[in-house]
């Protein structure tokens, strides 16, 4: 429980998400103590298959957002 309104909490969470998004766009890691680490990882180019037609497709290399839970979060979930 906190003494802030729902609107203030929403604004704070939105601000946090925007800051994480902007940092990831710039290739930076974001570490939230007690929660975990957000980072950008590269997925290698690979060959895939269209499940409908069976046709092989070339899937290009791309960047994806990744999250690794921290020790405190992992322990809390056990």
PDB file of N, CA and C in Angstrom:
ATOM      1  N   UNK A   1       0.832  -1.189   0.000  1.00  0.00           N
ATOM      2  CA  UNK A   1       0.000   0.000   0.000  1.00  0.00           C
ATOM      3  C   UNK A   1       0.873   1.247   0.000  1.00  0.00           C
ATOM      4  N   UNK A   2       0.413   2.239  -0.740  1.00  0.00           N
ATOM      5  CA  UNK A   2       1.100   3.528  -0.766  1.00  0.00           C
ATOM      6  C   UNK A   2       0.078   4.633  -0.585  1.00  0.00           C
ATOM      7  N   UNK A   3       0.583   5.824  -0.371  1.00  0.00           N
ATOM      8  CA  UNK A   3      -0.295   6.978  -0.196  1.00  0.00           C
ATOM      9  C   UNK A   3      -0.461   7.775  -1.478  1.00  0.00           C
ATOM     10  N   UNK A   4      -0.132   7.176  -2.622  1.00  0.00           N
ATOM     11  CA  UNK A   4      -0.306   7.901  -3.878  1.00  0.00           C
ATOM     12  C   UNK A   4      -1.561   7.413  -4.581  1.00  0.00           C
ATOM     13  N   UNK A   5      -2.093   8.270  -5.434  1.00  0.00           N
ATOM     14  CA  UNK A   5      -3.324   7.923  -6.142  1.00  0.00           C
ATOM     15  C   UNK A   5      -3.028   6.942  -7.276  1.00  0.00           C
ATOM     16  N   UNK A   6      -4.086   6.349  -7.788  1.00  0.00           N
ATOM     17  CA  UNK A   6      -3.944   5.415  -8.909  1.00  0.00           C
ATOM     18  C   UNK A   6      -3.363   6.136 -10.122  1.00  0.00           C
ATOM     19  N   UNK A   7      -3.788   7.372 -10.346  1.00  0.00           N
ATOM     20  CA  UNK A   7      -3.290   8.155 -11.481  1.00  0.00           C
ATOM     21  C   UNK A   7      -1.794   8.424 -11.334  1.00  0.00           C
ATOM     22  N   UNK A   8      -1.347   8.740 -10.124  1.00  0.00           N
ATOM     23  CA  UNK A   8       0.075   8.986  -9.890  1.00  0.00           C
ATOM     24  C   UNK A   8       0.884   7.701 -10.077  1.00  0.00           C
ATOM     25  N   UNK A   9       0.341   6.586  -9.609  1.00  0.00           N
ATOM     26  CA  UNK A   9       1.024   5.301  -9.771  1.00  0.00           C
ATOM     27  C   UNK A   9       1.136   4.941 -11.247  1.00  0.00           C
ATOM     28  N   UNK A  10       0.061   5.164 -11.995  1.00  0.00           N
ATOM     29  CA  UNK A  10       0.072   4.887 -13.433  1.00  0.00           C
ATOM     30  C   UNK A  10       1.119   5.741 -14.132  1.00  0.00           C
ATOM     31  N   UNK A  11       1.184   7.010 -13.758  1.00  0.00           N
ATOM     32  CA  UNK A  11       2.160   7.921 -14.360  1.00  0.00           C
ATOM     33  C   UNK A  11       3.589   7.464 -14.048  1.00  0.00           C
ATOM     34  N   UNK A  12       3.827   7.020 -12.816  1.00  0.00           N
ATOM     35  CA  UNK A  12       5.159   6.558 -12.423  1.00  0.00           C
ATOM     36  C   UNK A  12       5.558   5.300 -13.189  1.00  0.00           C
ATOM     37  N   UNK A  13       4.639   4.349 -13.316  1.00  0.00           N
ATOM     38  CA  UNK A  13       4.934   3.102 -14.037  1.00  0.00           C
ATOM     39  C   UNK A  13       5.159   3.391 -15.518  1.00  0.00           C
ATOM     40  N   UNK A  14       4.332   4.259 -16.109  1.00  0.00           N
ATOM     41  CA  UNK A  14       4.510   4.628 -17.516  1.00  0.00           C
ATOM     42  C   UNK A  14       5.871   5.281 -17.742  1.00  0.00           C
ATOM     43  N   UNK A  15       6.279   6.128 -16.814  1.00  0.00           N
ATOM     44  CA  UNK A  15       7.576   6.788 -16.914  1.00  0.00           C
ATOM     45  C   UNK A  15       8.710   5.766 -16.842  1.00  0.00           C
ATOM     46  N   UNK A  16       8.590   4.809 -15.936  1.00  0.00           N
ATOM     47  CA  UNK A  16       9.597   3.754 -15.804  1.00  0.00           C
ATOM     48  C   UNK A  16       9.704   2.944 -17.098  1.00  0.00           C
ATOM     49  N   UNK A  17       8.567   2.544 -17.640  1.00  0.00           N
ATOM     50  CA  UNK A  17       8.555   1.752 -18.875  1.00  0.00           C
ATOM     51  C   UNK A  17       9.166   2.547 -20.028  1.00  0.00           C
ATOM     52  N   UNK A  18       8.835   3.831 -20.135  1.00  0.00           N
ATOM     53  CA  UNK A  18       9.402   4.665 -21.197  1.00  0.00           C
ATOM     54  C   UNK A  18      10.912   4.796 -21.053  1.00  0.00           C
ATOM     55  N   UNK A  19      11.396   4.949 -19.823  1.00  0.00           N
ATOM     56  CA  UNK A  19      12.842   5.044 -19.604  1.00  0.00           C
ATOM     57  C   UNK A  19      13.544   3.740 -19.963  1.00  0.00           C
ATOM     58  N   UNK A  20      12.950   2.616 -19.610  1.00  0.00           N
ATOM     59  CA  UNK A  20      13.523   1.314 -19.973  1.00  0.00           C
ATOM     60  C   UNK A  20      13.548   1.172 -21.491  1.00  0.00           C
ATOM     61  N   UNK A  21      12.442   1.504 -22.144  1.00  0.00           N
ATOM     62  CA  UNK A  21      12.352   1.407 -23.609  1.00  0.00           C
ATOM     63  C   UNK A  21      13.428   2.260 -24.279  1.00  0.00           C
ATOM     64  N   UNK A  22      13.573   3.512 -23.831  1.00  0.00           N
ATOM     65  CA  UNK A  22      14.562   4.408 -24.439  1.00  0.00           C
ATOM     66  C   UNK A  22      15.984   3.910 -24.212  1.00  0.00           C
ATOM     67  N   UNK A  23      16.264   3.384 -23.044  1.00  0.00           N
ATOM     68  CA  UNK A  23      17.599   2.849 -22.767  1.00  0.00           C
ATOM     69  C   UNK A  23      17.896   1.648 -23.655  1.00  0.00           C
ATOM     70  N   UNK A  24      16.923   0.759 -23.818  1.00  0.00           N
ATOM     71  CA  UNK A  24      17.125  -0.414 -24.678  1.00  0.00           C
ATOM     72  C   UNK A  24      17.326   0.003 -26.128  1.00  0.00           C
ATOM     73  N   UNK A  25      16.594   1.027 -26.582  1.00  0.00           N
ATOM     74  CA  UNK A  25      16.776   1.532 -27.949  1.00  0.00           C
ATOM     75  C   UNK A  25      18.203   2.012 -28.169  1.00  0.00           C
ATOM     76  N   UNK A  26      18.810   2.562 -27.102  1.00  0.00           N
ATOM     77  CA  UNK A  26      20.184   3.060 -27.190  1.00  0.00           C
ATOM     78  C   UNK A  26      21.221   1.975 -26.911  1.00  0.00           C
ATOM     79  N   UNK A  27      20.766   0.732 -26.764  1.00  0.00           N
ATOM     80  CA  UNK A  27      21.676  -0.385 -26.554  1.00  0.00           C
ATOM     81  C   UNK A  27      22.191  -0.510 -25.132  1.00  0.00           C
ATOM     82  N   UNK A  28      21.547   0.174 -24.192  1.00  0.00           N
ATOM     83  CA  UNK A  28      21.988   0.145 -22.800  1.00  0.00           C
ATOM     84  C   UNK A  28      21.264  -0.941 -22.024  1.00  0.00           C
ATOM     85  N   UNK A  29      21.925  -1.445 -20.978  1.00  0.00           N
ATOM     86  CA  UNK A  29      21.324  -2.395 -20.046  1.00  0.00           C
ATOM     87  C   UNK A  29      20.621  -1.608 -18.959  1.00  0.00           C
ATOM     88  N   UNK A  30      19.515  -2.133 -18.442  1.00  0.00           N
ATOM     89  CA  UNK A  30      18.809  -1.497 -17.328  1.00  0.00           C
ATOM     90  C   UNK A  30      18.731  -2.506 -16.190  1.00  0.00           C
ATOM     91  N   UNK A  31      19.317  -2.151 -15.049  1.00  0.00           N
ATOM     92  CA  UNK A  31      19.313  -3.027 -13.882  1.00  0.00           C
ATOM     93  C   UNK A  31      18.402  -2.423 -12.824  1.00  0.00           C
ATOM     94  N   UNK A  32      17.389  -3.180 -12.412  1.00  0.00           N
ATOM     95  CA  UNK A  32      16.497  -2.764 -11.336  1.00  0.00           C
ATOM     96  C   UNK A  32      16.797  -3.650 -10.136  1.00  0.00           C
ATOM     97  N   UNK A  33      17.408  -3.066  -9.117  1.00  0.00           N
ATOM     98  CA  UNK A  33      17.820  -3.827  -7.937  1.00  0.00           C
ATOM     99  C   UNK A  33      16.626  -4.546  -7.327  1.00  0.00           C
ATOM    100  N   UNK A  34      16.800  -5.817  -7.036  1.00  0.00           N
ATOM    101  CA  UNK A  34      15.739  -6.614  -6.437  1.00  0.00           C
ATOM    102  C   UNK A  34      14.752  -7.164  -7.441  1.00  0.00           C
ATOM    103  N   UNK A  35      14.849  -6.748  -8.692  1.00  0.00           N
ATOM    104  CA  UNK A  35      13.920  -7.221  -9.719  1.00  0.00           C
ATOM    105  C   UNK A  35      14.651  -8.007 -10.802  1.00  0.00           C
ATOM    106  N   UNK A  36      15.543  -7.333 -11.523  1.00  0.00           N
ATOM    107  CA  UNK A  36      16.273  -8.018 -12.577  1.00  0.00           C
ATOM    108  C   UNK A  36      16.897  -7.055 -13.564  1.00  0.00           C
ATOM    109  N   UNK A  37      17.303  -7.593 -14.715  1.00  0.00           N
ATOM    110  CA  UNK A  37      18.014  -6.826 -15.727  1.00  0.00           C
ATOM    111  C   UNK A  37      17.312  -6.932 -17.074  1.00  0.00           C
ATOM    112  N   UNK A  38      17.095  -5.776 -17.688  1.00  0.00           N
ATOM    113  CA  UNK A  38      16.575  -5.707 -19.052  1.00  0.00           C
ATOM    114  C   UNK A  38      17.760  -5.449 -19.969  1.00  0.00           C
ATOM    115  N   UNK A  39      17.811  -6.133 -21.107  1.00  0.00           N
ATOM    116  CA  UNK A  39      18.899  -5.933 -22.058  1.00  0.00           C
ATOM    117  C   UNK A  39      18.400  -6.231 -23.464  1.00  0.00           C
ATOM    118  N   UNK A  40      19.259  -5.931 -24.440  1.00  0.00           N
ATOM    119  CA  UNK A  40      18.954  -6.226 -25.839  1.00  0.00           C
ATOM    120  C   UNK A  40      19.859  -7.368 -26.273  1.00  0.00           C
ATOM    121  N   UNK A  41      19.268  -8.385 -26.877  1.00  0.00           N
ATOM    122  CA  UNK A  41      20.042  -9.517 -27.382  1.00  0.00           C
ATOM    123  C   UNK A  41      19.822  -9.633 -28.884  1.00  0.00           C
ATOM    124  N   UNK A  42      20.838 -10.149 -29.566  1.00  0.00           N
ATOM    125  CA  UNK A  42      20.721 -10.383 -31.007  1.00  0.00           C
ATOM    126  C   UNK A  42      20.337 -11.827 -31.250  1.00  0.00           C
ATOM    127  N   UNK A  43      19.372 -12.012 -32.103  1.00  0.00           N
ATOM    128  CA  UNK A  43      19.024 -13.358 -32.564  1.00  0.00           C
ATOM    129  C   UNK A  43      19.661 -13.537 -33.932  1.00  0.00           C
ATOM    130  N   UNK A  44      20.367 -14.624 -34.108  1.00  0.00           N
ATOM    131  CA  UNK A  44      21.048 -14.888 -35.373  1.00  0.00           C
ATOM    132  C   UNK A  44      20.045 -15.170 -36.483  1.00  0.00           C
ATOM    133  N   UNK A  45      20.479 -14.922 -37.707  1.00  0.00           N
ATOM    134  CA  UNK A  45      19.666 -15.276 -38.868  1.00  0.00           C
ATOM    135  C   UNK A  45      19.540 -16.792 -38.904  1.00  0.00           C
ATOM    136  N   UNK A  46      18.389 -17.263 -39.351  1.00  0.00           N
ATOM    137  CA  UNK A  46      18.178 -18.712 -39.390  1.00  0.00           C
ATOM    138  C   UNK A  46      17.178 -19.056 -40.475  1.00  0.00           C
ATOM    139  N   UNK A  47      17.057 -20.335 -40.723  1.00  0.00           N
ATOM    140  CA  UNK A  47      16.088 -20.823 -41.695  1.00  0.00           C
ATOM    141  C   UNK A  47      14.874 -21.336 -40.938  1.00  0.00           C
ATOM    142  N   UNK A  48      13.701 -20.888 -41.362  1.00  0.00           N
ATOM    143  CA  UNK A  48      12.458 -21.338 -40.747  1.00  0.00           C
ATOM    144  C   UNK A  48      11.593 -22.029 -41.774  1.00  0.00           C
ATOM    145  N   UNK A  49      10.408 -22.416 -41.362  1.00  0.00           N
ATOM    146  CA  UNK A  49       9.508 -23.114 -42.269  1.00  0.00           C
ATOM    147  C   UNK A  49       8.095 -22.584 -42.068  1.00  0.00           C
ATOM    148  N   UNK A  50       7.422 -22.303 -43.182  1.00  0.00           N
ATOM    149  CA  UNK A  50       6.023 -21.896 -43.130  1.00  0.00           C
ATOM    150  C   UNK A  50       5.205 -23.140 -42.781  1.00  0.00           C
ATOM    151  N   UNK A  51       4.485 -23.132 -41.641  1.00  0.00           N
ATOM    152  CA  UNK A  51       3.760 -24.339 -41.233  1.00  0.00           C
ATOM    153  C   UNK A  51       2.625 -24.729 -42.182  1.00  0.00           C
ATOM    154  N   UNK A  52       2.079 -23.774 -42.897  1.00  0.00           N
ATOM    155  CA  UNK A  52       0.985 -24.073 -43.831  1.00  0.00           C
ATOM    156  C   UNK A  52       1.468 -24.754 -45.103  1.00  0.00           C
ATOM    157  N   UNK A  53       2.529 -24.172 -45.683  1.00  0.00           N
ATOM    158  CA  UNK A  53       2.979 -24.654 -46.991  1.00  0.00           C
ATOM    159  C   UNK A  53       4.214 -25.549 -46.917  1.00  0.00           C
ATOM    160  N   UNK A  54       4.930 -25.491 -45.806  1.00  0.00           N
ATOM    161  CA  UNK A  54       6.164 -26.262 -45.694  1.00  0.00           C
ATOM    162  C   UNK A  54       7.339 -25.576 -46.365  1.00  0.00           C
ATOM    163  N   UNK A  55       7.097 -24.415 -46.958  1.00  0.00           N
ATOM    164  CA  UNK A  55       8.140 -23.671 -47.656  1.00  0.00           C
ATOM    165  C   UNK A  55       9.189 -23.163 -46.663  1.00  0.00           C
ATOM    166  N   UNK A  56      10.464 -23.301 -47.043  1.00  0.00           N
ATOM    167  CA  UNK A  56      11.532 -22.790 -46.197  1.00  0.00           C
ATOM    168  C   UNK A  56      11.644 -21.283 -46.367  1.00  0.00           C
ATOM    169  N   UNK A  57      11.864 -20.600 -45.230  1.00  0.00           N
ATOM    170  CA  UNK A  57      11.987 -19.148 -45.235  1.00  0.00           C
ATOM    171  C   UNK A  57      13.297 -18.749 -44.582  1.00  0.00           C
ATOM    172  N   UNK A  58      13.834 -17.629 -45.026  1.00  0.00           N
ATOM    173  CA  UNK A  58      15.027 -17.078 -44.402  1.00  0.00           C
ATOM    174  C   UNK A  58      14.571 -16.036 -43.383  1.00  0.00           C
ATOM    175  N   UNK A  59      14.901 -16.254 -42.117  1.00  0.00           N
ATOM    176  CA  UNK A  59      14.540 -15.316 -41.059  1.00  0.00           C
ATOM    177  C   UNK A  59      15.787 -14.492 -40.755  1.00  0.00           C
ATOM    178  N   UNK A  60      15.724 -13.172 -40.963  1.00  0.00           N
ATOM    179  CA  UNK A  60      16.918 -12.342 -40.785  1.00  0.00           C
ATOM    180  C   UNK A  60      17.300 -12.163 -39.315  1.00  0.00           C
ATOM    181  N   UNK A  61      18.549 -11.743 -39.101  1.00  0.00           N
ATOM    182  CA  UNK A  61      19.015 -11.416 -37.760  1.00  0.00           C
ATOM    183  C   UNK A  61      18.172 -10.263 -37.219  1.00  0.00           C
ATOM    184  N   UNK A  62      17.914 -10.286 -35.904  1.00  0.00           N
ATOM    185  CA  UNK A  62      17.152  -9.184 -35.318  1.00  0.00           C
ATOM    186  C   UNK A  62      17.515  -9.017 -33.852  1.00  0.00           C
ATOM    187  N   UNK A  63      17.137  -7.882 -33.314  1.00  0.00           N
ATOM    188  CA  UNK A  63      17.367  -7.592 -31.905  1.00  0.00           C
ATOM    189  C   UNK A  63      16.061  -7.800 -31.154  1.00  0.00           C
ATOM    190  N   UNK A  64      16.159  -8.348 -29.942  1.00  0.00           N
ATOM    191  CA  UNK A  64      14.975  -8.565 -29.109  1.00  0.00           C
ATOM    192  C   UNK A  64      15.269  -8.091 -27.689  1.00  0.00           C
ATOM    193  N   UNK A  65      14.217  -7.652 -27.011  1.00  0.00           N
ATOM    194  CA  UNK A  65      14.348  -7.273 -25.607  1.00  0.00           C
ATOM    195  C   UNK A  65      14.375  -8.546 -24.771  1.00  0.00           C
ATOM    196  N   UNK A  66      15.211  -8.545 -23.739  1.00  0.00           N
ATOM    197  CA  UNK A  66      15.319  -9.714 -22.860  1.00  0.00           C
ATOM    198  C   UNK A  66      15.263  -9.250 -21.410  1.00  0.00           C
ATOM    199  N   UNK A  67      14.751 -10.124 -20.548  1.00  0.00           N
ATOM    200  CA  UNK A  67      14.706  -9.844 -19.113  1.00  0.00           C
ATOM    201  C   UNK A  67      15.268 -11.040 -18.372  1.00  0.00           C
ATOM    202  N   UNK A  68      16.175 -10.771 -17.448  1.00  0.00           N
ATOM    203  CA  UNK A  68      16.718 -11.830 -16.600  1.00  0.00           C
ATOM    204  C   UNK A  68      16.373 -11.478 -15.164  1.00  0.00           C
ATOM    205  N   UNK A  69      15.614 -12.345 -14.522  1.00  0.00           N
ATOM    206  CA  UNK A  69      15.197 -12.106 -13.143  1.00  0.00           C
ATOM    207  C   UNK A  69      16.401 -12.106 -12.213  1.00  0.00           C
ATOM    208  N   UNK A  70      16.380 -11.202 -11.246  1.00  0.00           N
ATOM    209  CA  UNK A  70      17.442 -11.119 -10.253  1.00  0.00           C
ATOM    210  C   UNK A  70      17.255 -12.153  -9.150  1.00  0.00           C
ATOM    211  N   UNK A  71      18.274 -12.300  -8.328  1.00  0.00           N
ATOM    212  CA  UNK A  71      18.265 -13.300  -7.266  1.00  0.00           C
ATOM    213  C   UNK A  71      17.101 -13.083  -6.296  1.00  0.00           C
ATOM    214  N   UNK A  72      16.841 -11.837  -5.909  1.00  0.00           N
ATOM    215  CA  UNK A  72      15.772 -11.536  -4.958  1.00  0.00           C
ATOM    216  C   UNK A  72      14.416 -11.959  -5.502  1.00  0.00           C
ATOM    217  N   UNK A  73      14.166 -11.675  -6.774  1.00  0.00           N
ATOM    218  CA  UNK A  73      12.891 -12.057  -7.395  1.00  0.00           C
ATOM    219  C   UNK A  73      12.777 -13.573  -7.493  1.00  0.00           C
ATOM    220  N   UNK A  74      13.856 -14.227  -7.883  1.00  0.00           N
ATOM    221  CA  UNK A  74      13.840 -15.690  -7.990  1.00  0.00           C
ATOM    222  C   UNK A  74      13.538 -16.334  -6.644  1.00  0.00           C
ATOM    223  N   UNK A  75      14.159 -15.818  -5.592  1.00  0.00           N
ATOM    224  CA  UNK A  75      13.935 -16.361  -4.251  1.00  0.00           C
ATOM    225  C   UNK A  75      12.494 -16.137  -3.797  1.00  0.00           C
ATOM    226  N   UNK A  76      11.916 -14.996  -4.138  1.00  0.00           N
ATOM    227  CA  UNK A  76      10.545 -14.680  -3.725  1.00  0.00           C
ATOM    228  C   UNK A  76       9.530 -15.590  -4.399  1.00  0.00           C
ATOM    229  N   UNK A  77       9.856 -16.057  -5.604  1.00  0.00           N
ATOM    230  CA  UNK A  77       8.927 -16.890  -6.370  1.00  0.00           C
ATOM    231  C   UNK A  77       8.982 -18.349  -5.939  1.00  0.00           C
ATOM    232  N   UNK A  78      10.091 -18.786  -5.375  1.00  0.00           N
ATOM    233  CA  UNK A  78      10.253 -20.196  -4.984  1.00  0.00           C
ATOM    234  C   UNK A  78       9.140 -20.676  -4.101  1.00  0.00           C
TER     235      UNK A  78
END
